[in-house]
């Protein structure tokens, strides 16, 4: 896969462009995953979208196949947002539909607030606009220090998925993605997320927004997402039943159908 050099590391990304030659191209969708995951979580979304959109996915620095060898390099919300724009620039997308989950949704929101002319629409799945409200993350430091990434990943999985929500093979894959992520990256990413507060800026975000949220996230309550929606000029919220914080992976088909309907409406 192509590698993009950014300050302090590299970003591994891919582009899927299978729009039939007789069909009009409808633009670019950029996907951004959350902490501990990788761009592979979006695979189940592609069948609903590849007939009309160019798809761009990348691994956040320190995740998947992207590197972060310089531990002294910045890793904060603005740096992560810079990475998103660097990928858009690399693939020649002056404007795109942004889709992010968890911290990826917060980063996409920050990108839309920073440069609204570059964002055609925004979709946030299980992500927050006020990071300090996120629950059940106080023990990350202790777990990562005592047991490393494997212990943290094992502890996270029940908060991601109900029993039986995904196949055993998919479960093992997701758990392995989390386990190989650097503890330092996870903790600094968490600090960036918890420090985010964009509530006061939401009323000025004049673009279409789709919010998707699980009904049983242990980290972000549905009430916070309702507050998020109510603060936006043009937003719709869908709460998906029998889902936890790994919803974009476990409910990929449902989420992709909602995104397709949203883009058919606004694009």
C-alpha atoms as a PDB file:
ATOM      1  CA  UNK A   1       0.000   0.000   0.000  1.00  0.00           C
ATOM      2  CA  UNK A   2       1.208   3.589  -0.536  1.00  0.00           C
ATOM      3  CA  UNK A   3       3.083   5.256   2.308  1.00  0.00           C
ATOM      4  CA  UNK A   4       2.847   8.964   3.013  1.00  0.00           C
ATOM      5  CA  UNK A   5       5.590  10.672   5.002  1.00  0.00           C
ATOM      6  CA  UNK A   6       4.318  13.051   7.674  1.00  0.00           C
ATOM      7  CA  UNK A   7       6.210  14.816  10.489  1.00  0.00           C
ATOM      8  CA  UNK A   8       7.224  12.130  12.970  1.00  0.00           C
ATOM      9  CA  UNK A   9       6.025   9.090  11.049  1.00  0.00           C
ATOM     10  CA  UNK A  10       4.365   7.553   8.007  1.00  0.00           C
ATOM     11  CA  UNK A  11       0.744   6.928   7.056  1.00  0.00           C
ATOM     12  CA  UNK A  12      -0.251   3.789   5.168  1.00  0.00           C
ATOM     13  CA  UNK A  13      -3.340   4.385   3.029  1.00  0.00           C
ATOM     14  CA  UNK A  14      -5.297   2.846   0.189  1.00  0.00           C
ATOM     15  CA  UNK A  15      -7.657   4.106  -2.497  1.00  0.00           C
ATOM     16  CA  UNK A  16     -10.527   2.052  -3.904  1.00  0.00           C
ATOM     17  CA  UNK A  17     -11.980   3.515  -7.093  1.00  0.00           C
ATOM     18  CA  UNK A  18     -14.327   1.091  -8.832  1.00  0.00           C
ATOM     19  CA  UNK A  19     -16.906   3.529 -10.145  1.00  0.00           C
ATOM     20  CA  UNK A  20     -18.105   2.102 -13.490  1.00  0.00           C
ATOM     21  CA  UNK A  21     -16.909   4.173 -16.452  1.00  0.00           C
ATOM     22  CA  UNK A  22     -20.496   4.871 -17.513  1.00  0.00           C
ATOM     23  CA  UNK A  23     -21.552   6.143 -14.064  1.00  0.00           C
ATOM     24  CA  UNK A  24     -20.930   9.683 -12.828  1.00  0.00           C
ATOM     25  CA  UNK A  25     -18.293   9.910 -10.096  1.00  0.00           C
ATOM     26  CA  UNK A  26     -19.861  11.306  -6.957  1.00  0.00           C
ATOM     27  CA  UNK A  27     -16.725  12.302  -5.100  1.00  0.00           C
ATOM     28  CA  UNK A  28     -14.389  10.956  -2.421  1.00  0.00           C
ATOM     29  CA  UNK A  29     -15.206   9.420   0.954  1.00  0.00           C
ATOM     30  CA  UNK A  30     -12.395   9.369   3.507  1.00  0.00           C
ATOM     31  CA  UNK A  31     -12.692   6.935   6.426  1.00  0.00           C
ATOM     32  CA  UNK A  32     -10.902   7.456   9.768  1.00  0.00           C
ATOM     33  CA  UNK A  33     -10.846   4.683  12.384  1.00  0.00           C
ATOM     34  CA  UNK A  34     -10.566   5.018  16.156  1.00  0.00           C
ATOM     35  CA  UNK A  35      -7.966   4.168  18.809  1.00  0.00           C
ATOM     36  CA  UNK A  36      -6.653   0.621  18.630  1.00  0.00           C
ATOM     37  CA  UNK A  37      -8.296  -0.199  15.302  1.00  0.00           C
ATOM     38  CA  UNK A  38      -7.067   0.011  11.712  1.00  0.00           C
ATOM     39  CA  UNK A  39      -8.515   0.856   8.316  1.00  0.00           C
ATOM     40  CA  UNK A  40      -9.606  -2.766   7.882  1.00  0.00           C
ATOM     41  CA  UNK A  41     -12.670  -2.146  10.046  1.00  0.00           C
ATOM     42  CA  UNK A  42     -14.325  -0.376   7.096  1.00  0.00           C
ATOM     43  CA  UNK A  43     -14.204  -3.368   4.714  1.00  0.00           C
ATOM     44  CA  UNK A  44     -17.843  -4.241   5.309  1.00  0.00           C
ATOM     45  CA  UNK A  45     -18.949  -0.740   4.298  1.00  0.00           C
ATOM     46  CA  UNK A  46     -17.447  -0.805   0.827  1.00  0.00           C
ATOM     47  CA  UNK A  47     -20.001  -2.900  -1.115  1.00  0.00           C
ATOM     48  CA  UNK A  48     -22.712  -0.289  -0.476  1.00  0.00           C
ATOM     49  CA  UNK A  49     -20.542   2.583  -1.690  1.00  0.00           C
ATOM     50  CA  UNK A  50     -18.015   1.586  -4.339  1.00  0.00           C
ATOM     51  CA  UNK A  51     -20.392   1.970  -7.269  1.00  0.00           C
ATOM     52  CA  UNK A  52     -20.404   5.749  -6.931  1.00  0.00           C
ATOM     53  CA  UNK A  53     -17.634   6.999  -4.689  1.00  0.00           C
ATOM     54  CA  UNK A  54     -13.877   6.827  -4.539  1.00  0.00           C
ATOM     55  CA  UNK A  55     -12.966   5.364  -1.142  1.00  0.00           C
ATOM     56  CA  UNK A  56      -9.882   6.453   0.797  1.00  0.00           C
ATOM     57  CA  UNK A  57      -8.847   4.696   4.007  1.00  0.00           C
ATOM     58  CA  UNK A  58      -5.709   5.061   6.113  1.00  0.00           C
ATOM     59  CA  UNK A  59      -4.178   3.772   9.327  1.00  0.00           C
ATOM     60  CA  UNK A  60      -3.824   6.458  11.961  1.00  0.00           C
ATOM     61  CA  UNK A  61      -0.196   7.013  12.983  1.00  0.00           C
ATOM     62  CA  UNK A  62       0.984   4.289  15.357  1.00  0.00           C
ATOM     63  CA  UNK A  63      -1.827   1.963  14.225  1.00  0.00           C
ATOM     64  CA  UNK A  64      -2.016  -0.819  11.654  1.00  0.00           C
ATOM     65  CA  UNK A  65       0.758  -0.344   9.097  1.00  0.00           C
ATOM     66  CA  UNK A  66       1.367   3.335   9.872  1.00  0.00           C
ATOM     67  CA  UNK A  67       4.424   4.220  11.933  1.00  0.00           C
ATOM     68  CA  UNK A  68       5.222   6.683  14.675  1.00  0.00           C
ATOM     69  CA  UNK A  69       8.930   6.064  15.333  1.00  0.00           C
ATOM     70  CA  UNK A  70       9.639   9.502  16.758  1.00  0.00           C
ATOM     71  CA  UNK A  71       8.290   9.398  20.300  1.00  0.00           C
ATOM     72  CA  UNK A  72       9.149  13.075  20.705  1.00  0.00           C
ATOM     73  CA  UNK A  73       6.850  14.061  17.832  1.00  0.00           C
ATOM     74  CA  UNK A  74       3.555  15.730  18.635  1.00  0.00           C
ATOM     75  CA  UNK A  75       0.494  13.540  18.896  1.00  0.00           C
ATOM     76  CA  UNK A  76      -2.470  15.760  19.625  1.00  0.00           C
ATOM     77  CA  UNK A  77      -5.796  16.515  18.003  1.00  0.00           C
ATOM     78  CA  UNK A  78      -4.370  19.128  15.655  1.00  0.00           C
ATOM     79  CA  UNK A  79      -1.538  16.842  14.522  1.00  0.00           C
ATOM     80  CA  UNK A  80      -3.998  14.032  13.856  1.00  0.00           C
ATOM     81  CA  UNK A  81      -6.189  16.458  11.929  1.00  0.00           C
ATOM     82  CA  UNK A  82      -3.146  17.549   9.924  1.00  0.00           C
ATOM     83  CA  UNK A  83      -2.666  13.873   9.019  1.00  0.00           C
ATOM     84  CA  UNK A  84      -6.204  13.672   7.655  1.00  0.00           C
ATOM     85  CA  UNK A  85      -5.618  16.681   5.423  1.00  0.00           C
ATOM     86  CA  UNK A  86      -2.240  15.291   4.349  1.00  0.00           C
ATOM     87  CA  UNK A  87      -3.966  12.144   3.085  1.00  0.00           C
ATOM     88  CA  UNK A  88      -6.594  14.194   1.233  1.00  0.00           C
ATOM     89  CA  UNK A  89      -3.836  16.254  -0.370  1.00  0.00           C
ATOM     90  CA  UNK A  90      -1.889  13.132  -1.332  1.00  0.00           C
ATOM     91  CA  UNK A  91      -4.850  11.596  -3.173  1.00  0.00           C
ATOM     92  CA  UNK A  92      -5.792  14.892  -4.814  1.00  0.00           C
ATOM     93  CA  UNK A  93      -9.095  15.396  -2.997  1.00  0.00           C
ATOM     94  CA  UNK A  94      -9.777  19.098  -2.613  1.00  0.00           C
ATOM     95  CA  UNK A  95     -13.106  18.199  -0.957  1.00  0.00           C
ATOM     96  CA  UNK A  96     -14.428  14.969   0.545  1.00  0.00           C
ATOM     97  CA  UNK A  97     -17.135  13.315   2.593  1.00  0.00           C
ATOM     98  CA  UNK A  98     -15.537  12.518   5.965  1.00  0.00           C
ATOM     99  CA  UNK A  99     -16.530   9.431   7.960  1.00  0.00           C
ATOM    100  CA  UNK A 100     -14.953   8.802  11.354  1.00  0.00           C
ATOM    101  CA  UNK A 101     -15.530   6.521  14.302  1.00  0.00           C
ATOM    102  CA  UNK A 102     -14.609   7.160  17.944  1.00  0.00           C
ATOM    103  CA  UNK A 103     -11.572   9.496  17.972  1.00  0.00           C
ATOM    104  CA  UNK A 104     -11.668   9.333  14.168  1.00  0.00           C
ATOM    105  CA  UNK A 105     -15.059  11.016  14.336  1.00  0.00           C
ATOM    106  CA  UNK A 106     -13.712  13.703  16.663  1.00  0.00           C
ATOM    107  CA  UNK A 107     -10.784  14.277  14.287  1.00  0.00           C
ATOM    108  CA  UNK A 108     -13.145  14.489  11.301  1.00  0.00           C
ATOM    109  CA  UNK A 109     -15.300  16.981  13.214  1.00  0.00           C
ATOM    110  CA  UNK A 110     -12.237  19.078  13.974  1.00  0.00           C
ATOM    111  CA  UNK A 111     -11.266  18.967  10.300  1.00  0.00           C
ATOM    112  CA  UNK A 112     -14.724  20.190   9.289  1.00  0.00           C
ATOM    113  CA  UNK A 113     -14.513  23.049  11.792  1.00  0.00           C
ATOM    114  CA  UNK A 114     -11.013  23.985  10.658  1.00  0.00           C
ATOM    115  CA  UNK A 115     -11.633  23.853   6.909  1.00  0.00           C
ATOM    116  CA  UNK A 116     -15.346  23.563   6.089  1.00  0.00           C
ATOM    117  CA  UNK A 117     -14.753  24.273   2.394  1.00  0.00           C
ATOM    118  CA  UNK A 118     -12.910  20.960   2.148  1.00  0.00           C
ATOM    119  CA  UNK A 119     -15.718  18.898   3.688  1.00  0.00           C
ATOM    120  CA  UNK A 120     -18.791  17.973   1.650  1.00  0.00           C
ATOM    121  CA  UNK A 121     -20.450  16.161   4.558  1.00  0.00           C
ATOM    122  CA  UNK A 122     -19.527  14.725   7.937  1.00  0.00           C
ATOM    123  CA  UNK A 123     -20.464  11.356   9.412  1.00  0.00           C
ATOM    124  CA  UNK A 124     -19.553  10.521  13.004  1.00  0.00           C
ATOM    125  CA  UNK A 125     -20.061   7.024  14.395  1.00  0.00           C
ATOM    126  CA  UNK A 126     -19.751   6.462  18.161  1.00  0.00           C
ATOM    127  CA  UNK A 127     -17.708   9.644  18.517  1.00  0.00           C
ATOM    128  CA  UNK A 128     -17.958  12.639  20.822  1.00  0.00           C
ATOM    129  CA  UNK A 129     -17.598  16.386  20.515  1.00  0.00           C
ATOM    130  CA  UNK A 130     -16.665  16.732  24.213  1.00  0.00           C
ATOM    131  CA  UNK A 131     -13.927  14.283  25.120  1.00  0.00           C
ATOM    132  CA  UNK A 132     -13.994  14.846  28.875  1.00  0.00           C
ATOM    133  CA  UNK A 133     -17.430  13.228  28.980  1.00  0.00           C
ATOM    134  CA  UNK A 134     -16.099   9.858  27.796  1.00  0.00           C
ATOM    135  CA  UNK A 135     -16.508   7.179  30.441  1.00  0.00           C
ATOM    136  CA  UNK A 136     -14.638   4.030  31.536  1.00  0.00           C
ATOM    137  CA  UNK A 137     -11.162   5.063  30.368  1.00  0.00           C
ATOM    138  CA  UNK A 138      -9.587   5.853  33.737  1.00  0.00           C
ATOM    139  CA  UNK A 139      -7.870   2.445  34.012  1.00  0.00           C
ATOM    140  CA  UNK A 140      -6.067   2.516  30.660  1.00  0.00           C
ATOM    141  CA  UNK A 141      -2.739   3.655  32.156  1.00  0.00           C
ATOM    142  CA  UNK A 142      -2.769   0.935  34.812  1.00  0.00           C
ATOM    143  CA  UNK A 143      -3.750  -1.852  32.409  1.00  0.00           C
ATOM    144  CA  UNK A 144      -1.238  -0.836  29.744  1.00  0.00           C
ATOM    145  CA  UNK A 145       1.553  -0.479  32.309  1.00  0.00           C
ATOM    146  CA  UNK A 146       0.915  -3.848  33.926  1.00  0.00           C
ATOM    147  CA  UNK A 147      -0.134  -5.998  30.984  1.00  0.00           C
ATOM    148  CA  UNK A 148       0.719  -4.084  27.816  1.00  0.00           C
ATOM    149  CA  UNK A 149      -1.360  -3.888  24.671  1.00  0.00           C
ATOM    150  CA  UNK A 150      -2.614  -7.476  24.878  1.00  0.00           C
ATOM    151  CA  UNK A 151      -4.152  -6.957  28.322  1.00  0.00           C
ATOM    152  CA  UNK A 152      -5.685  -3.652  27.282  1.00  0.00           C
ATOM    153  CA  UNK A 153      -7.139  -5.206  24.132  1.00  0.00           C
ATOM    154  CA  UNK A 154      -8.674  -8.119  26.026  1.00  0.00           C
ATOM    155  CA  UNK A 155     -10.219  -5.690  28.515  1.00  0.00           C
ATOM    156  CA  UNK A 156     -11.641  -3.542  25.699  1.00  0.00           C
ATOM    157  CA  UNK A 157     -13.316  -6.264  23.656  1.00  0.00           C
ATOM    158  CA  UNK A 158     -16.474  -6.692  25.801  1.00  0.00           C
ATOM    159  CA  UNK A 159     -17.049  -2.958  25.475  1.00  0.00           C
ATOM    160  CA  UNK A 160     -16.750  -3.254  21.709  1.00  0.00           C
ATOM    161  CA  UNK A 161     -19.080  -6.170  21.032  1.00  0.00           C
ATOM    162  CA  UNK A 162     -21.941  -8.133  22.501  1.00  0.00           C
ATOM    163  CA  UNK A 163     -21.226 -11.886  22.720  1.00  0.00           C
ATOM    164  CA  UNK A 164     -21.743 -13.413  19.283  1.00  0.00           C
ATOM    165  CA  UNK A 165     -21.974 -10.040  17.527  1.00  0.00           C
ATOM    166  CA  UNK A 166     -19.124 -10.938  15.155  1.00  0.00           C
ATOM    167  CA  UNK A 167     -17.556 -14.208  14.007  1.00  0.00           C
ATOM    168  CA  UNK A 168     -14.722 -15.780  16.023  1.00  0.00           C
ATOM    169  CA  UNK A 169     -12.279 -14.980  13.205  1.00  0.00           C
ATOM    170  CA  UNK A 170     -13.363 -11.325  13.128  1.00  0.00           C
ATOM    171  CA  UNK A 171     -13.110 -11.159  16.921  1.00  0.00           C
ATOM    172  CA  UNK A 172      -9.556 -12.505  16.887  1.00  0.00           C
ATOM    173  CA  UNK A 173      -8.562 -10.077  14.118  1.00  0.00           C
ATOM    174  CA  UNK A 174      -9.933  -7.041  15.935  1.00  0.00           C
ATOM    175  CA  UNK A 175      -8.352  -8.052  19.223  1.00  0.00           C
ATOM    176  CA  UNK A 176      -4.982  -8.508  17.487  1.00  0.00           C
ATOM    177  CA  UNK A 177      -5.211  -5.060  15.863  1.00  0.00           C
ATOM    178  CA  UNK A 178      -5.660  -3.489  19.285  1.00  0.00           C
ATOM    179  CA  UNK A 179      -2.964  -5.585  20.950  1.00  0.00           C
ATOM    180  CA  UNK A 180      -0.207  -4.524  18.556  1.00  0.00           C
ATOM    181  CA  UNK A 181      -0.860  -0.806  18.976  1.00  0.00           C
ATOM    182  CA  UNK A 182       1.809   1.052  20.958  1.00  0.00           C
ATOM    183  CA  UNK A 183       0.733   1.806  24.555  1.00  0.00           C
ATOM    184  CA  UNK A 184       2.305   5.259  24.246  1.00  0.00           C
ATOM    185  CA  UNK A 185       0.264   5.992  21.128  1.00  0.00           C
ATOM    186  CA  UNK A 186      -2.902   4.820  22.852  1.00  0.00           C
ATOM    187  CA  UNK A 187      -2.328   6.958  25.939  1.00  0.00           C
ATOM    188  CA  UNK A 188      -1.369  10.072  24.005  1.00  0.00           C
ATOM    189  CA  UNK A 189      -4.288   9.568  21.644  1.00  0.00           C
ATOM    190  CA  UNK A 190      -6.579   9.189  24.643  1.00  0.00           C
ATOM    191  CA  UNK A 191      -5.216  12.424  26.125  1.00  0.00           C
ATOM    192  CA  UNK A 192      -5.900  14.198  22.825  1.00  0.00           C
ATOM    193  CA  UNK A 193      -9.443  12.854  22.806  1.00  0.00           C
ATOM    194  CA  UNK A 194     -10.252  13.636  26.435  1.00  0.00           C
ATOM    195  CA  UNK A 195      -8.923  17.160  25.987  1.00  0.00           C
ATOM    196  CA  UNK A 196     -11.198  17.909  23.031  1.00  0.00           C
ATOM    197  CA  UNK A 197     -14.138  20.267  23.523  1.00  0.00           C
ATOM    198  CA  UNK A 198     -15.826  21.616  20.406  1.00  0.00           C
ATOM    199  CA  UNK A 199     -19.265  22.287  21.855  1.00  0.00           C
ATOM    200  CA  UNK A 200     -19.029  26.066  21.520  1.00  0.00           C
ATOM    201  CA  UNK A 201     -18.165  25.844  17.810  1.00  0.00           C
ATOM    202  CA  UNK A 202     -20.855  23.474  16.602  1.00  0.00           C
ATOM    203  CA  UNK A 203     -23.505  26.060  15.765  1.00  0.00           C
ATOM    204  CA  UNK A 204     -21.276  27.417  13.008  1.00  0.00           C
ATOM    205  CA  UNK A 205     -20.861  24.087  11.226  1.00  0.00           C
ATOM    206  CA  UNK A 206     -23.085  24.628   8.201  1.00  0.00           C
ATOM    207  CA  UNK A 207     -22.813  21.309   6.398  1.00  0.00           C
ATOM    208  CA  UNK A 208     -24.824  18.065   6.476  1.00  0.00           C
ATOM    209  CA  UNK A 209     -23.965  15.813   9.417  1.00  0.00           C
ATOM    210  CA  UNK A 210     -24.931  12.198  10.047  1.00  0.00           C
ATOM    211  CA  UNK A 211     -24.507  10.832  13.582  1.00  0.00           C
ATOM    212  CA  UNK A 212     -24.686   7.091  14.209  1.00  0.00           C
ATOM    213  CA  UNK A 213     -24.464   5.689  17.704  1.00  0.00           C
ATOM    214  CA  UNK A 214     -24.833   2.347  19.496  1.00  0.00           C
ATOM    215  CA  UNK A 215     -27.514   1.963  22.112  1.00  0.00           C
ATOM    216  CA  UNK A 216     -25.091   0.401  24.606  1.00  0.00           C
ATOM    217  CA  UNK A 217     -21.708   2.111  24.350  1.00  0.00           C
ATOM    218  CA  UNK A 218     -19.849   1.935  27.687  1.00  0.00           C
ATOM    219  CA  UNK A 219     -17.937   5.072  26.739  1.00  0.00           C
ATOM    220  CA  UNK A 220     -20.349   7.604  25.204  1.00  0.00           C
ATOM    221  CA  UNK A 221     -23.975   7.849  26.385  1.00  0.00           C
ATOM    222  CA  UNK A 222     -26.779   8.314  23.875  1.00  0.00           C
ATOM    223  CA  UNK A 223     -27.765  11.521  25.684  1.00  0.00           C
ATOM    224  CA  UNK A 224     -24.430  13.081  24.727  1.00  0.00           C
ATOM    225  CA  UNK A 225     -25.081  12.267  21.079  1.00  0.00           C
ATOM    226  CA  UNK A 226     -28.523  13.862  21.300  1.00  0.00           C
ATOM    227  CA  UNK A 227     -26.833  16.968  22.677  1.00  0.00           C
ATOM    228  CA  UNK A 228     -24.361  16.804  19.786  1.00  0.00           C
ATOM    229  CA  UNK A 229     -27.177  16.614  17.233  1.00  0.00           C
ATOM    230  CA  UNK A 230     -29.172  19.422  18.808  1.00  0.00           C
ATOM    231  CA  UNK A 231     -26.180  21.754  18.669  1.00  0.00           C
ATOM    232  CA  UNK A 232     -25.714  21.316  14.910  1.00  0.00           C
ATOM    233  CA  UNK A 233     -27.655  23.293  12.281  1.00  0.00           C
ATOM    234  CA  UNK A 234     -28.131  20.322   9.902  1.00  0.00           C
ATOM    235  CA  UNK A 235     -27.824  16.930  11.587  1.00  0.00           C
ATOM    236  CA  UNK A 236     -29.636  13.648  11.949  1.00  0.00           C
ATOM    237  CA  UNK A 237     -29.011  10.980  14.601  1.00  0.00           C
ATOM    238  CA  UNK A 238     -29.574   7.233  14.239  1.00  0.00           C
ATOM    239  CA  UNK A 239     -29.278   5.039  17.347  1.00  0.00           C
ATOM    240  CA  UNK A 240     -28.567   1.423  16.424  1.00  0.00           C
ATOM    241  CA  UNK A 241     -29.862  -1.305  18.696  1.00  0.00           C
ATOM    242  CA  UNK A 242     -27.934  -4.190  20.181  1.00  0.00           C
ATOM    243  CA  UNK A 243     -24.602  -2.485  19.516  1.00  0.00           C
ATOM    244  CA  UNK A 244     -21.571  -1.409  21.506  1.00  0.00           C
ATOM    245  CA  UNK A 245     -18.520   0.717  20.754  1.00  0.00           C
ATOM    246  CA  UNK A 246     -17.335  -1.567  17.954  1.00  0.00           C
ATOM    247  CA  UNK A 247     -20.525  -0.829  16.017  1.00  0.00           C
ATOM    248  CA  UNK A 248     -18.833   0.255  12.749  1.00  0.00           C
ATOM    249  CA  UNK A 249     -17.338  -3.245  12.538  1.00  0.00           C
ATOM    250  CA  UNK A 250     -20.143  -5.385  13.970  1.00  0.00           C
ATOM    251  CA  UNK A 251     -22.931  -3.475  12.188  1.00  0.00           C
ATOM    252  CA  UNK A 252     -21.082  -2.516   9.022  1.00  0.00           C
ATOM    253  CA  UNK A 253     -23.967  -3.296   6.682  1.00  0.00           C
ATOM    254  CA  UNK A 254     -26.504  -1.297   8.679  1.00  0.00           C
ATOM    255  CA  UNK A 255     -24.139   1.654   9.045  1.00  0.00           C
ATOM    256  CA  UNK A 256     -23.162   1.622   5.368  1.00  0.00           C
ATOM    257  CA  UNK A 257     -26.810   1.615   4.315  1.00  0.00           C
ATOM    258  CA  UNK A 258     -27.454   4.646   6.529  1.00  0.00           C
ATOM    259  CA  UNK A 259     -24.440   6.410   5.037  1.00  0.00           C
ATOM    260  CA  UNK A 260     -25.566   5.565   1.509  1.00  0.00           C
ATOM    261  CA  UNK A 261     -29.009   6.983   2.156  1.00  0.00           C
ATOM    262  CA  UNK A 262     -27.508  10.097   3.711  1.00  0.00           C
ATOM    263  CA  UNK A 263     -25.158  10.684   0.777  1.00  0.00           C
ATOM    264  CA  UNK A 264     -27.968  10.081  -1.715  1.00  0.00           C
ATOM    265  CA  UNK A 265     -29.852  12.840   0.106  1.00  0.00           C
ATOM    266  CA  UNK A 266     -27.124  15.434   0.448  1.00  0.00           C
ATOM    267  CA  UNK A 267     -24.498  14.771  -2.245  1.00  0.00           C
END
